Every structure is written in C-alpha cells, then in structure tokens.
Amino acid sequence: MTTLVLASQSPARLQTLRSAGIEPVVFVSGVDESQLDGLPPRELALGLAELKCRAVAERSDVPTGALVLGCDSVLELDAPGYEDRPLGKPHTAEAAVERWRSMRGRSGVLVTGHALIDTATGAMESRSASTTVHFAEVTDAEIEAYVATGEPLHVAGAFTVDGLGGAFVTGIEGDHHNVVGVSLPLVRNLVAALGHQWTALWAPA
C-alpha cells in the first residue's frame, strides 16, 4: 500500500478520496496564497496546487515514500466584470451575495489545479481539470437564505454541488468530482505518471 498525503484542509476533498477507497494522511500547507495574486484563473489554480504540494512534501514528518497531493480550485464566471477573475472563497456574506447575483442563470468553469509529488524521488506531476457548471435562476430570497447558512463563504466559487448548493446547480459538463475539489480520474493519471498504481492507494479492507 502506498500512502497518500492530502495537502488540504478541505473536508470535501477528504471525503471524496475516502469514498474512492483511500484514507489519506492530512497536512495543511499553510502557504500564503496572496503571493500568486494577479495570475489568471487557470495559472493561479495550478500554481497554488504546486505551492501547497511542495510545502507539505518538504515537511520532515511526512511518511517516507508517500505521495503528496496538493489541490486548489477557482471559478471562472461568464459574466460582465468577472472576465479573467479567479473566483475563490468569498469569505464575507456581502461578497457571497454579490457573487451569486452575478452567477444565477449563468455558467462558470470550475478549474482545479492538481500537483502530486513522489517524496521518494522528488518527482512532481501537475495538471488542471476544468468542469462547466450551470447555475439556476435563484431568487434574491434563496441567495440570502443560502448565504445565511455560511456554506458558500468558505468554498471556491461560493457554492457546493455536494451540499446545500446542489439544488442551485442545474447541470455539469465534465468530472463531477472536480467540482467537489479533486478529480479522481486526473489524480489516477498523475499517480501512473509517477510510476505508481492507483489501486495501491486503496486502504486495506
């Protein structure tokens, strides 16, 4: 069995990996994300994933020979004023409400950067995955109620597809897991590119 280290504090990413048979060790990178401010969405997502991955892989308490996975997600929104703006976590209720008023009835592309390091060799593979998300024509009252739950404040794009926000997503084109925060097919490809077997990551039954 190969140990996977998840360089993320995202409960959704952890649960996705667990549902796929993997029990990762979790380390939070603690990197300063602002150091990459100004990059376009796709470059930002991949750059932050690589930063987080390297920061954790360099820790002395990471299990020997582990694979370290770093991820970061942003939303590209097809709306006036949001061109080339990477939309991460809104953090405040005001920002989340404004975001949703722009998102409703429109489509966005959820981009997740993935970086995987083999600590035994130092080799790294990184790629991003993109999934188109179509948002419902939600009402002002629905937006206010959703934001009041606190859920959209701390997730990329100000929505979830696997939580309360799922009812406000009318369709997805691409990998559903990527919208949750980690593309399982992409990670499998990264694992293979580093010379490992995906099935070797599965936790013993």
N, C-alpha and C. Protein backbone atom coordinates (compact mmCIF):
# COMPACT_ATOMS: atom_id res chain seq x y z
N MET A 1 0.83 -1.20 0.00
CA MET A 1 0.00 0.00 0.00
C MET A 1 0.87 1.25 0.00
N THR A 2 0.52 2.21 -0.85
CA THR A 2 1.22 3.48 -0.93
C THR A 2 0.44 4.53 -0.15
N THR A 3 1.13 5.32 0.66
CA THR A 3 0.47 6.35 1.46
C THR A 3 0.26 7.61 0.64
N LEU A 4 -0.96 8.14 0.69
CA LEU A 4 -1.26 9.41 0.05
C LEU A 4 -1.41 10.47 1.13
N VAL A 5 -0.70 11.57 0.97
CA VAL A 5 -0.82 12.71 1.87
C VAL A 5 -1.62 13.79 1.14
N LEU A 6 -2.68 14.26 1.77
CA LEU A 6 -3.50 15.32 1.20
C LEU A 6 -3.08 16.65 1.80
N ALA A 7 -2.56 17.54 0.96
CA ALA A 7 -2.10 18.85 1.42
C ALA A 7 -3.25 19.85 1.35
N SER A 8 -4.32 19.55 2.06
CA SER A 8 -5.51 20.40 2.01
C SER A 8 -6.34 20.16 3.26
N GLN A 9 -7.00 21.22 3.73
CA GLN A 9 -7.89 21.08 4.89
C GLN A 9 -9.35 20.92 4.46
N SER A 10 -9.58 20.74 3.14
CA SER A 10 -10.94 20.64 2.62
C SER A 10 -11.62 19.33 3.02
N PRO A 11 -12.71 19.41 3.80
CA PRO A 11 -13.45 18.19 4.16
C PRO A 11 -14.02 17.49 2.94
N ALA A 12 -14.41 18.25 1.92
CA ALA A 12 -14.99 17.67 0.71
C ALA A 12 -13.96 16.84 -0.05
N ARG A 13 -12.73 17.35 -0.16
CA ARG A 13 -11.68 16.57 -0.83
C ARG A 13 -11.38 15.29 -0.06
N LEU A 14 -11.30 15.41 1.26
CA LEU A 14 -11.02 14.24 2.09
C LEU A 14 -12.11 13.19 1.92
N GLN A 15 -13.36 13.62 1.94
CA GLN A 15 -14.47 12.68 1.82
C GLN A 15 -14.50 12.03 0.44
N THR A 16 -14.17 12.80 -0.59
CA THR A 16 -14.14 12.25 -1.95
C THR A 16 -13.10 11.14 -2.06
N LEU A 17 -11.92 11.37 -1.50
CA LEU A 17 -10.87 10.35 -1.53
C LEU A 17 -11.26 9.13 -0.70
N ARG A 18 -11.87 9.37 0.44
CA ARG A 18 -12.31 8.25 1.28
C ARG A 18 -13.36 7.40 0.57
N SER A 19 -14.26 8.07 -0.14
CA SER A 19 -15.30 7.34 -0.87
C SER A 19 -14.70 6.51 -2.00
N ALA A 20 -13.51 6.91 -2.46
CA ALA A 20 -12.82 6.18 -3.52
C ALA A 20 -11.89 5.10 -2.96
N GLY A 21 -11.98 4.84 -1.66
CA GLY A 21 -11.20 3.77 -1.07
C GLY A 21 -9.85 4.15 -0.52
N ILE A 22 -9.59 5.46 -0.45
CA ILE A 22 -8.28 5.94 0.01
C ILE A 22 -8.43 6.63 1.36
N GLU A 23 -7.53 6.36 2.27
CA GLU A 23 -7.53 7.01 3.58
C GLU A 23 -6.26 7.85 3.69
N PRO A 24 -6.32 9.10 3.18
CA PRO A 24 -5.11 9.91 3.17
C PRO A 24 -4.72 10.45 4.55
N VAL A 25 -3.44 10.76 4.68
CA VAL A 25 -2.95 11.50 5.83
C VAL A 25 -3.08 12.97 5.46
N VAL A 26 -3.61 13.79 6.35
CA VAL A 26 -3.87 15.20 6.03
C VAL A 26 -2.85 16.11 6.69
N PHE A 27 -2.25 16.97 5.87
CA PHE A 27 -1.38 18.04 6.36
C PHE A 27 -1.84 19.34 5.71
N VAL A 28 -2.02 20.39 6.48
CA VAL A 28 -2.41 21.69 5.93
C VAL A 28 -1.13 22.44 5.57
N SER A 29 -1.09 22.96 4.35
CA SER A 29 0.16 23.57 3.86
C SER A 29 0.50 24.88 4.55
N GLY A 30 -0.52 25.70 4.79
CA GLY A 30 -0.27 26.98 5.44
C GLY A 30 0.44 27.99 4.55
N VAL A 31 0.42 27.79 3.23
CA VAL A 31 1.12 28.73 2.35
C VAL A 31 0.35 30.04 2.24
N ASP A 32 1.08 31.10 1.94
CA ASP A 32 0.49 32.42 1.73
C ASP A 32 0.01 32.48 0.28
N GLU A 33 -1.30 32.34 0.08
CA GLU A 33 -1.85 32.28 -1.27
C GLU A 33 -1.74 33.61 -2.00
N SER A 34 -1.57 34.70 -1.25
CA SER A 34 -1.53 36.02 -1.89
C SER A 34 -0.28 36.22 -2.74
N GLN A 35 0.73 35.37 -2.57
CA GLN A 35 1.96 35.56 -3.33
C GLN A 35 1.77 35.31 -4.83
N LEU A 36 0.65 34.69 -5.19
CA LEU A 36 0.36 34.47 -6.61
C LEU A 36 -0.79 35.34 -7.12
N ASP A 37 -1.17 36.35 -6.35
CA ASP A 37 -2.23 37.26 -6.77
C ASP A 37 -1.90 37.87 -8.14
N GLY A 38 -2.92 38.01 -8.96
CA GLY A 38 -2.72 38.62 -10.27
C GLY A 38 -2.65 37.64 -11.41
N LEU A 39 -2.48 36.37 -11.10
CA LEU A 39 -2.43 35.37 -12.16
C LEU A 39 -3.84 35.09 -12.68
N PRO A 40 -3.98 34.73 -13.96
CA PRO A 40 -5.29 34.34 -14.48
C PRO A 40 -5.75 33.04 -13.82
N PRO A 41 -7.05 32.74 -13.87
CA PRO A 41 -7.61 31.62 -13.10
C PRO A 41 -6.88 30.28 -13.25
N ARG A 42 -6.63 29.85 -14.46
CA ARG A 42 -6.05 28.52 -14.65
C ARG A 42 -4.62 28.45 -14.12
N GLU A 43 -3.86 29.51 -14.36
CA GLU A 43 -2.48 29.55 -13.85
C GLU A 43 -2.47 29.62 -12.33
N LEU A 44 -3.41 30.37 -11.77
CA LEU A 44 -3.48 30.51 -10.32
C LEU A 44 -3.80 29.18 -9.65
N ALA A 45 -4.81 28.47 -10.17
CA ALA A 45 -5.19 27.19 -9.57
C ALA A 45 -4.04 26.20 -9.58
N LEU A 46 -3.34 26.12 -10.71
CA LEU A 46 -2.23 25.17 -10.81
C LEU A 46 -1.05 25.62 -9.96
N GLY A 47 -0.78 26.92 -9.98
CA GLY A 47 0.35 27.45 -9.19
C GLY A 47 0.16 27.23 -7.70
N LEU A 48 -1.05 27.47 -7.21
CA LEU A 48 -1.31 27.27 -5.78
C LEU A 48 -1.26 25.79 -5.41
N ALA A 49 -1.75 24.93 -6.31
CA ALA A 49 -1.67 23.49 -6.03
C ALA A 49 -0.22 23.05 -5.90
N GLU A 50 0.64 23.56 -6.77
CA GLU A 50 2.05 23.20 -6.71
C GLU A 50 2.72 23.76 -5.46
N LEU A 51 2.38 25.00 -5.09
CA LEU A 51 2.93 25.60 -3.87
C LEU A 51 2.57 24.78 -2.63
N LYS A 52 1.30 24.42 -2.53
CA LYS A 52 0.83 23.65 -1.37
C LYS A 52 1.48 22.28 -1.32
N CYS A 53 1.58 21.66 -2.49
CA CYS A 53 2.16 20.33 -2.57
C CYS A 53 3.63 20.34 -2.12
N ARG A 54 4.40 21.30 -2.64
CA ARG A 54 5.82 21.38 -2.28
C ARG A 54 6.00 21.69 -0.80
N ALA A 55 5.18 22.60 -0.27
CA ALA A 55 5.31 22.99 1.13
C ALA A 55 5.13 21.79 2.05
N VAL A 56 4.16 20.94 1.75
CA VAL A 56 3.92 19.77 2.59
C VAL A 56 4.97 18.69 2.34
N ALA A 57 5.36 18.49 1.09
CA ALA A 57 6.34 17.45 0.77
C ALA A 57 7.68 17.70 1.45
N GLU A 58 7.98 18.95 1.76
CA GLU A 58 9.25 19.31 2.40
C GLU A 58 9.23 19.10 3.91
N ARG A 59 8.08 18.78 4.47
CA ARG A 59 7.98 18.58 5.92
C ARG A 59 8.69 17.29 6.32
N SER A 60 9.34 17.35 7.46
CA SER A 60 10.09 16.18 7.93
C SER A 60 9.19 15.08 8.48
N ASP A 61 7.95 15.41 8.83
CA ASP A 61 7.07 14.41 9.42
C ASP A 61 6.14 13.74 8.41
N VAL A 62 6.37 14.00 7.13
CA VAL A 62 5.60 13.31 6.09
C VAL A 62 6.11 11.88 5.99
N PRO A 63 5.21 10.89 5.93
CA PRO A 63 5.64 9.49 5.85
C PRO A 63 6.61 9.24 4.70
N THR A 64 7.63 8.47 4.96
CA THR A 64 8.64 8.16 3.95
C THR A 64 8.02 7.46 2.74
N GLY A 65 8.35 7.97 1.56
CA GLY A 65 7.87 7.35 0.34
C GLY A 65 6.44 7.69 -0.03
N ALA A 66 5.83 8.61 0.69
CA ALA A 66 4.43 8.96 0.43
C ALA A 66 4.31 9.78 -0.85
N LEU A 67 3.11 9.75 -1.42
CA LEU A 67 2.75 10.66 -2.50
C LEU A 67 1.98 11.82 -1.87
N VAL A 68 2.37 13.05 -2.20
CA VAL A 68 1.73 14.23 -1.63
C VAL A 68 0.89 14.91 -2.71
N LEU A 69 -0.38 15.13 -2.40
CA LEU A 69 -1.31 15.74 -3.35
C LEU A 69 -1.73 17.12 -2.89
N GLY A 70 -1.50 18.11 -3.73
CA GLY A 70 -1.97 19.47 -3.47
C GLY A 70 -3.02 19.87 -4.49
N CYS A 71 -4.06 20.55 -4.06
CA CYS A 71 -5.14 20.97 -4.96
C CYS A 71 -5.56 22.41 -4.65
N ASP A 72 -6.05 23.09 -5.68
CA ASP A 72 -6.65 24.40 -5.45
C ASP A 72 -7.68 24.65 -6.54
N SER A 73 -8.82 25.19 -6.15
CA SER A 73 -9.92 25.42 -7.09
C SER A 73 -10.31 26.89 -7.17
N VAL A 74 -10.65 27.32 -8.39
CA VAL A 74 -11.20 28.66 -8.60
C VAL A 74 -12.30 28.55 -9.65
N LEU A 75 -13.16 29.54 -9.68
CA LEU A 75 -14.25 29.57 -10.66
C LEU A 75 -14.01 30.69 -11.65
N GLU A 76 -14.16 30.36 -12.94
CA GLU A 76 -14.19 31.37 -14.00
C GLU A 76 -15.65 31.61 -14.34
N LEU A 77 -16.10 32.85 -14.25
CA LEU A 77 -17.52 33.14 -14.46
C LEU A 77 -17.74 33.91 -15.75
N ASP A 78 -18.74 33.45 -16.51
CA ASP A 78 -19.12 34.12 -17.75
C ASP A 78 -20.12 35.23 -17.42
N ALA A 79 -19.60 36.33 -16.90
CA ALA A 79 -20.46 37.45 -16.51
C ALA A 79 -19.68 38.76 -16.65
N PRO A 80 -20.36 39.84 -17.03
CA PRO A 80 -19.69 41.14 -17.16
C PRO A 80 -18.97 41.54 -15.87
N GLY A 81 -17.74 41.97 -16.01
CA GLY A 81 -16.96 42.40 -14.85
C GLY A 81 -16.19 41.28 -14.18
N TYR A 82 -16.42 40.05 -14.61
CA TYR A 82 -15.73 38.92 -13.99
C TYR A 82 -14.75 38.24 -14.94
N GLU A 83 -14.54 38.82 -16.12
CA GLU A 83 -13.64 38.23 -17.09
C GLU A 83 -12.23 38.11 -16.52
N ASP A 84 -11.66 36.91 -16.65
CA ASP A 84 -10.28 36.62 -16.21
C ASP A 84 -10.06 36.84 -14.72
N ARG A 85 -11.16 36.87 -13.95
CA ARG A 85 -11.02 37.00 -12.49
C ARG A 85 -11.19 35.62 -11.85
N PRO A 86 -10.16 35.15 -11.16
CA PRO A 86 -10.31 33.87 -10.46
C PRO A 86 -11.16 34.04 -9.21
N LEU A 87 -12.27 33.34 -9.14
CA LEU A 87 -13.17 33.48 -8.01
C LEU A 87 -12.94 32.33 -7.03
N GLY A 88 -12.32 32.66 -5.92
CA GLY A 88 -12.07 31.66 -4.89
C GLY A 88 -13.14 31.72 -3.82
N LYS A 89 -12.75 31.69 -2.58
CA LYS A 89 -13.70 31.75 -1.46
C LYS A 89 -14.10 33.22 -1.23
N PRO A 90 -15.38 33.50 -1.13
CA PRO A 90 -15.79 34.90 -0.93
C PRO A 90 -15.50 35.43 0.48
N HIS A 91 -15.49 34.54 1.47
CA HIS A 91 -15.15 34.87 2.87
C HIS A 91 -16.20 35.72 3.60
N THR A 92 -16.82 36.69 2.93
CA THR A 92 -17.82 37.51 3.62
C THR A 92 -19.20 37.28 2.99
N ALA A 93 -20.24 37.52 3.79
CA ALA A 93 -21.60 37.36 3.30
C ALA A 93 -21.89 38.33 2.16
N GLU A 94 -21.40 39.56 2.28
CA GLU A 94 -21.64 40.56 1.25
C GLU A 94 -21.07 40.12 -0.10
N ALA A 95 -19.83 39.59 -0.05
CA ALA A 95 -19.19 39.14 -1.29
C ALA A 95 -19.92 37.94 -1.88
N ALA A 96 -20.41 37.05 -1.00
CA ALA A 96 -21.12 35.86 -1.48
C ALA A 96 -22.44 36.23 -2.14
N VAL A 97 -23.15 37.18 -1.56
CA VAL A 97 -24.42 37.62 -2.14
C VAL A 97 -24.18 38.27 -3.50
N GLU A 98 -23.19 39.13 -3.59
CA GLU A 98 -22.87 39.79 -4.85
C GLU A 98 -22.48 38.75 -5.91
N ARG A 99 -21.68 37.77 -5.50
CA ARG A 99 -21.25 36.72 -6.41
C ARG A 99 -22.45 35.96 -6.97
N TRP A 100 -23.35 35.55 -6.08
CA TRP A 100 -24.48 34.76 -6.52
C TRP A 100 -25.44 35.54 -7.42
N ARG A 101 -25.56 36.83 -7.18
CA ARG A 101 -26.41 37.64 -8.05
C ARG A 101 -25.84 37.71 -9.47
N SER A 102 -24.53 37.59 -9.58
CA SER A 102 -23.89 37.55 -10.89
C SER A 102 -23.89 36.15 -11.49
N MET A 103 -23.86 35.13 -10.64
CA MET A 103 -23.79 33.75 -11.12
C MET A 103 -25.12 33.19 -11.60
N ARG A 104 -26.21 33.62 -10.98
CA ARG A 104 -27.51 32.99 -11.27
C ARG A 104 -27.88 33.09 -12.75
N GLY A 105 -28.36 31.96 -13.26
CA GLY A 105 -28.75 31.90 -14.65
C GLY A 105 -27.59 31.85 -15.63
N ARG A 106 -26.38 31.81 -15.12
CA ARG A 106 -25.19 31.80 -15.98
C ARG A 106 -24.41 30.50 -15.82
N SER A 107 -23.31 30.43 -16.54
CA SER A 107 -22.43 29.27 -16.46
C SER A 107 -21.04 29.71 -16.04
N GLY A 108 -20.34 28.82 -15.38
CA GLY A 108 -18.97 29.08 -14.99
C GLY A 108 -18.14 27.83 -15.22
N VAL A 109 -16.83 28.00 -15.18
CA VAL A 109 -15.93 26.86 -15.30
C VAL A 109 -15.15 26.73 -14.00
N LEU A 110 -15.32 25.59 -13.34
CA LEU A 110 -14.61 25.33 -12.10
C LEU A 110 -13.28 24.68 -12.47
N VAL A 111 -12.19 25.37 -12.17
CA VAL A 111 -10.85 24.89 -12.50
C VAL A 111 -10.16 24.43 -11.22
N THR A 112 -9.68 23.20 -11.21
CA THR A 112 -8.94 22.69 -10.06
C THR A 112 -7.55 22.28 -10.50
N GLY A 113 -6.55 22.92 -9.90
CA GLY A 113 -5.17 22.52 -10.13
C GLY A 113 -4.82 21.36 -9.22
N HIS A 114 -4.07 20.40 -9.76
CA HIS A 114 -3.64 19.22 -9.01
C HIS A 114 -2.13 19.07 -9.16
N ALA A 115 -1.44 18.87 -8.06
CA ALA A 115 0.00 18.62 -8.10
C ALA A 115 0.30 17.42 -7.20
N LEU A 116 1.12 16.50 -7.71
CA LEU A 116 1.45 15.28 -6.98
C LEU A 116 2.95 15.10 -6.96
N ILE A 117 3.51 14.93 -5.77
CA ILE A 117 4.94 14.72 -5.60
C ILE A 117 5.20 13.34 -5.01
N ASP A 118 6.16 12.63 -5.59
CA ASP A 118 6.65 11.36 -5.03
C ASP A 118 7.81 11.70 -4.11
N THR A 119 7.61 11.59 -2.81
CA THR A 119 8.66 12.01 -1.87
C THR A 119 9.89 11.11 -1.94
N ALA A 120 9.74 9.93 -2.53
CA ALA A 120 10.89 9.03 -2.64
C ALA A 120 11.87 9.50 -3.70
N THR A 121 11.35 10.17 -4.73
CA THR A 121 12.21 10.60 -5.84
C THR A 121 12.27 12.12 -6.00
N GLY A 122 11.27 12.83 -5.45
CA GLY A 122 11.19 14.27 -5.63
C GLY A 122 10.51 14.67 -6.92
N ALA A 123 10.10 13.68 -7.71
CA ALA A 123 9.44 13.98 -8.98
C ALA A 123 8.04 14.53 -8.74
N MET A 124 7.64 15.48 -9.60
CA MET A 124 6.31 16.07 -9.47
C MET A 124 5.60 16.06 -10.81
N GLU A 125 4.30 15.77 -10.78
CA GLU A 125 3.43 15.89 -11.94
C GLU A 125 2.29 16.83 -11.57
N SER A 126 1.94 17.74 -12.46
CA SER A 126 0.85 18.66 -12.15
C SER A 126 0.04 18.97 -13.41
N ARG A 127 -1.27 19.02 -13.23
CA ARG A 127 -2.20 19.35 -14.31
C ARG A 127 -3.45 19.96 -13.68
N SER A 128 -4.28 20.57 -14.52
CA SER A 128 -5.55 21.10 -14.03
C SER A 128 -6.70 20.43 -14.76
N ALA A 129 -7.84 20.42 -14.11
CA ALA A 129 -9.07 19.88 -14.69
C ALA A 129 -10.12 20.98 -14.68
N SER A 130 -10.95 21.02 -15.71
CA SER A 130 -11.97 22.05 -15.84
C SER A 130 -13.34 21.41 -16.04
N THR A 131 -14.33 21.90 -15.32
CA THR A 131 -15.70 21.40 -15.42
C THR A 131 -16.65 22.58 -15.54
N THR A 132 -17.53 22.54 -16.54
CA THR A 132 -18.51 23.61 -16.72
C THR A 132 -19.70 23.38 -15.79
N VAL A 133 -20.11 24.44 -15.10
CA VAL A 133 -21.22 24.37 -14.15
C VAL A 133 -22.29 25.37 -14.56
N HIS A 134 -23.53 24.91 -14.63
CA HIS A 134 -24.65 25.79 -14.98
C HIS A 134 -25.46 26.08 -13.71
N PHE A 135 -25.69 27.36 -13.46
CA PHE A 135 -26.37 27.78 -12.24
C PHE A 135 -27.83 28.13 -12.50
N ALA A 136 -28.69 27.82 -11.52
CA ALA A 136 -30.12 28.08 -11.63
C ALA A 136 -30.42 29.57 -11.48
N GLU A 137 -31.61 29.94 -11.91
CA GLU A 137 -32.09 31.33 -11.72
C GLU A 137 -32.65 31.45 -10.30
N VAL A 138 -31.75 31.48 -9.33
CA VAL A 138 -32.19 31.55 -7.94
C VAL A 138 -32.71 32.96 -7.61
N THR A 139 -33.62 33.01 -6.66
CA THR A 139 -34.20 34.30 -6.27
C THR A 139 -33.32 35.00 -5.24
N ASP A 140 -33.59 36.28 -5.03
CA ASP A 140 -32.85 37.02 -4.00
C ASP A 140 -33.06 36.37 -2.63
N ALA A 141 -34.27 35.91 -2.37
CA ALA A 141 -34.55 35.28 -1.08
C ALA A 141 -33.76 33.99 -0.91
N GLU A 142 -33.63 33.23 -1.99
CA GLU A 142 -32.85 31.99 -1.91
C GLU A 142 -31.37 32.29 -1.69
N ILE A 143 -30.90 33.33 -2.35
CA ILE A 143 -29.49 33.72 -2.17
C ILE A 143 -29.24 34.12 -0.72
N GLU A 144 -30.11 34.96 -0.18
CA GLU A 144 -29.94 35.42 1.20
C GLU A 144 -29.98 34.24 2.17
N ALA A 145 -30.91 33.30 1.95
CA ALA A 145 -31.02 32.14 2.83
C ALA A 145 -29.80 31.24 2.73
N TYR A 146 -29.30 31.05 1.52
CA TYR A 146 -28.13 30.20 1.31
C TYR A 146 -26.89 30.80 1.96
N VAL A 147 -26.69 32.10 1.73
CA VAL A 147 -25.53 32.77 2.31
C VAL A 147 -25.61 32.76 3.83
N ALA A 148 -26.82 32.87 4.37
CA ALA A 148 -27.00 32.87 5.83
C ALA A 148 -26.58 31.55 6.48
N THR A 149 -26.55 30.47 5.70
CA THR A 149 -26.10 29.18 6.26
C THR A 149 -24.59 29.15 6.49
N GLY A 150 -23.88 30.05 5.82
CA GLY A 150 -22.42 30.09 5.94
C GLY A 150 -21.69 29.18 4.98
N GLU A 151 -22.42 28.27 4.34
CA GLU A 151 -21.75 27.29 3.47
C GLU A 151 -20.95 27.92 2.32
N PRO A 152 -21.53 28.89 1.60
CA PRO A 152 -20.80 29.40 0.43
C PRO A 152 -19.62 30.30 0.74
N LEU A 153 -19.47 30.73 1.99
CA LEU A 153 -18.42 31.68 2.33
C LEU A 153 -17.02 31.09 2.23
N HIS A 154 -16.90 29.79 2.43
CA HIS A 154 -15.58 29.19 2.58
C HIS A 154 -15.29 28.11 1.55
N VAL A 155 -15.96 28.22 0.39
CA VAL A 155 -15.71 27.26 -0.70
C VAL A 155 -15.46 28.04 -1.99
N ALA A 156 -14.60 27.48 -2.85
CA ALA A 156 -14.27 28.14 -4.11
C ALA A 156 -15.53 28.32 -4.96
N GLY A 157 -15.69 29.53 -5.49
CA GLY A 157 -16.85 29.80 -6.32
C GLY A 157 -18.10 30.11 -5.55
N ALA A 158 -18.08 30.04 -4.23
CA ALA A 158 -19.23 30.34 -3.36
C ALA A 158 -20.37 29.36 -3.52
N PHE A 159 -20.05 28.10 -3.90
CA PHE A 159 -21.12 27.10 -3.99
C PHE A 159 -20.53 25.71 -3.77
N THR A 160 -21.42 24.80 -3.40
CA THR A 160 -21.07 23.38 -3.36
C THR A 160 -22.05 22.66 -4.27
N VAL A 161 -21.61 21.50 -4.76
CA VAL A 161 -22.52 20.67 -5.54
C VAL A 161 -22.94 19.45 -4.72
N ASP A 162 -22.22 19.23 -3.62
CA ASP A 162 -22.48 18.06 -2.77
C ASP A 162 -23.09 18.47 -1.43
N GLY A 163 -23.59 19.70 -1.36
CA GLY A 163 -24.18 20.19 -0.12
C GLY A 163 -25.44 20.97 -0.39
N LEU A 164 -25.67 22.02 0.39
CA LEU A 164 -26.89 22.82 0.24
C LEU A 164 -26.99 23.48 -1.13
N GLY A 165 -25.83 23.78 -1.72
CA GLY A 165 -25.83 24.46 -3.01
C GLY A 165 -26.19 23.56 -4.18
N GLY A 166 -26.28 22.26 -3.96
CA GLY A 166 -26.56 21.34 -5.05
C GLY A 166 -27.85 21.61 -5.78
N ALA A 167 -28.86 22.11 -5.07
CA ALA A 167 -30.16 22.41 -5.69
C ALA A 167 -30.10 23.62 -6.61
N PHE A 168 -29.02 24.40 -6.51
CA PHE A 168 -28.88 25.60 -7.32
C PHE A 168 -27.99 25.38 -8.54
N VAL A 169 -27.58 24.14 -8.76
CA VAL A 169 -26.77 23.78 -9.92
C VAL A 169 -27.64 22.94 -10.85
N THR A 170 -27.90 23.45 -12.04
CA THR A 170 -28.83 22.76 -12.96
C THR A 170 -28.14 21.75 -13.87
N GLY A 171 -26.82 21.85 -13.99
CA GLY A 171 -26.13 20.89 -14.85
C GLY A 171 -24.63 21.02 -14.74
N ILE A 172 -23.94 19.94 -15.09
CA ILE A 172 -22.48 19.90 -15.05
C ILE A 172 -21.98 19.21 -16.31
N GLU A 173 -20.97 19.80 -16.94
CA GLU A 173 -20.33 19.18 -18.10
C GLU A 173 -18.88 18.87 -17.73
N GLY A 174 -18.60 17.59 -17.53
CA GLY A 174 -17.25 17.19 -17.14
C GLY A 174 -17.29 16.36 -15.87
N ASP A 175 -16.16 16.33 -15.18
CA ASP A 175 -16.00 15.49 -13.99
C ASP A 175 -16.67 16.12 -12.77
N HIS A 176 -17.68 15.43 -12.26
CA HIS A 176 -18.40 15.88 -11.06
C HIS A 176 -17.45 16.04 -9.88
N HIS A 177 -16.53 15.08 -9.70
CA HIS A 177 -15.62 15.13 -8.55
C HIS A 177 -14.72 16.37 -8.58
N ASN A 178 -14.41 16.85 -9.79
CA ASN A 178 -13.58 18.05 -9.90
C ASN A 178 -14.27 19.25 -9.28
N VAL A 179 -15.60 19.31 -9.40
CA VAL A 179 -16.35 20.42 -8.80
C VAL A 179 -16.31 20.32 -7.28
N VAL A 180 -16.29 19.12 -6.76
CA VAL A 180 -16.18 18.92 -5.31
C VAL A 180 -14.79 19.34 -4.82
N GLY A 181 -13.79 19.23 -5.70
CA GLY A 181 -12.46 19.71 -5.32
C GLY A 181 -11.29 18.84 -5.70
N VAL A 182 -11.55 17.61 -6.16
CA VAL A 182 -10.44 16.76 -6.59
C VAL A 182 -10.94 15.81 -7.68
N SER A 183 -10.29 15.85 -8.83
CA SER A 183 -10.67 14.99 -9.95
C SER A 183 -10.00 13.63 -9.80
N LEU A 184 -10.78 12.63 -9.47
CA LEU A 184 -10.22 11.29 -9.26
C LEU A 184 -9.56 10.74 -10.53
N PRO A 185 -10.19 10.86 -11.72
CA PRO A 185 -9.51 10.36 -12.92
C PRO A 185 -8.18 11.06 -13.18
N LEU A 186 -8.12 12.36 -12.92
CA LEU A 186 -6.88 13.09 -13.14
C LEU A 186 -5.81 12.65 -12.14
N VAL A 187 -6.18 12.49 -10.88
CA VAL A 187 -5.21 12.05 -9.88
C VAL A 187 -4.69 10.65 -10.23
N ARG A 188 -5.58 9.79 -10.70
CA ARG A 188 -5.15 8.45 -11.13
C ARG A 188 -4.07 8.56 -12.21
N ASN A 189 -4.28 9.48 -13.17
CA ASN A 189 -3.29 9.67 -14.23
C ASN A 189 -1.96 10.19 -13.68
N LEU A 190 -2.03 11.10 -12.71
CA LEU A 190 -0.80 11.63 -12.11
C LEU A 190 -0.05 10.54 -11.35
N VAL A 191 -0.81 9.71 -10.65
CA VAL A 191 -0.21 8.58 -9.92
C VAL A 191 0.52 7.65 -10.89
N ALA A 192 -0.11 7.36 -12.02
CA ALA A 192 0.50 6.48 -13.02
C ALA A 192 1.74 7.13 -13.64
N ALA A 193 1.68 8.46 -13.86
CA ALA A 193 2.82 9.17 -14.46
C ALA A 193 4.05 9.12 -13.56
N LEU A 194 3.82 8.96 -12.26
CA LEU A 194 4.94 8.85 -11.32
C LEU A 194 5.35 7.41 -11.08
N GLY A 195 4.75 6.48 -11.83
CA GLY A 195 5.16 5.08 -11.76
C GLY A 195 4.48 4.27 -10.68
N HIS A 196 3.34 4.74 -10.20
CA HIS A 196 2.62 4.01 -9.14
C HIS A 196 1.28 3.49 -9.65
N GLN A 197 0.69 2.57 -8.90
CA GLN A 197 -0.61 2.03 -9.23
C GLN A 197 -1.68 2.69 -8.37
N TRP A 198 -2.75 3.15 -9.01
CA TRP A 198 -3.87 3.75 -8.29
C TRP A 198 -4.41 2.80 -7.23
N THR A 199 -4.54 1.54 -7.58
CA THR A 199 -5.13 0.57 -6.65
C THR A 199 -4.24 0.33 -5.43
N ALA A 200 -2.96 0.70 -5.52
CA ALA A 200 -2.07 0.55 -4.38
C ALA A 200 -2.35 1.59 -3.30
N LEU A 201 -3.17 2.61 -3.65
CA LEU A 201 -3.54 3.64 -2.68
C LEU A 201 -4.75 3.22 -1.85
N TRP A 202 -5.48 2.19 -2.32
CA TRP A 202 -6.66 1.78 -1.58
C TRP A 202 -6.30 1.27 -0.20
N ALA A 203 -7.07 1.69 0.79
CA ALA A 203 -6.86 1.23 2.16
C ALA A 203 -7.26 -0.24 2.27
N PRO A 204 -6.57 -1.01 3.11
CA PRO A 204 -6.93 -2.42 3.28
C PRO A 204 -8.38 -2.55 3.74
N ALA A 205 -9.05 -3.53 3.21
CA ALA A 205 -10.46 -3.76 3.57
C ALA A 205 -10.57 -4.21 5.03
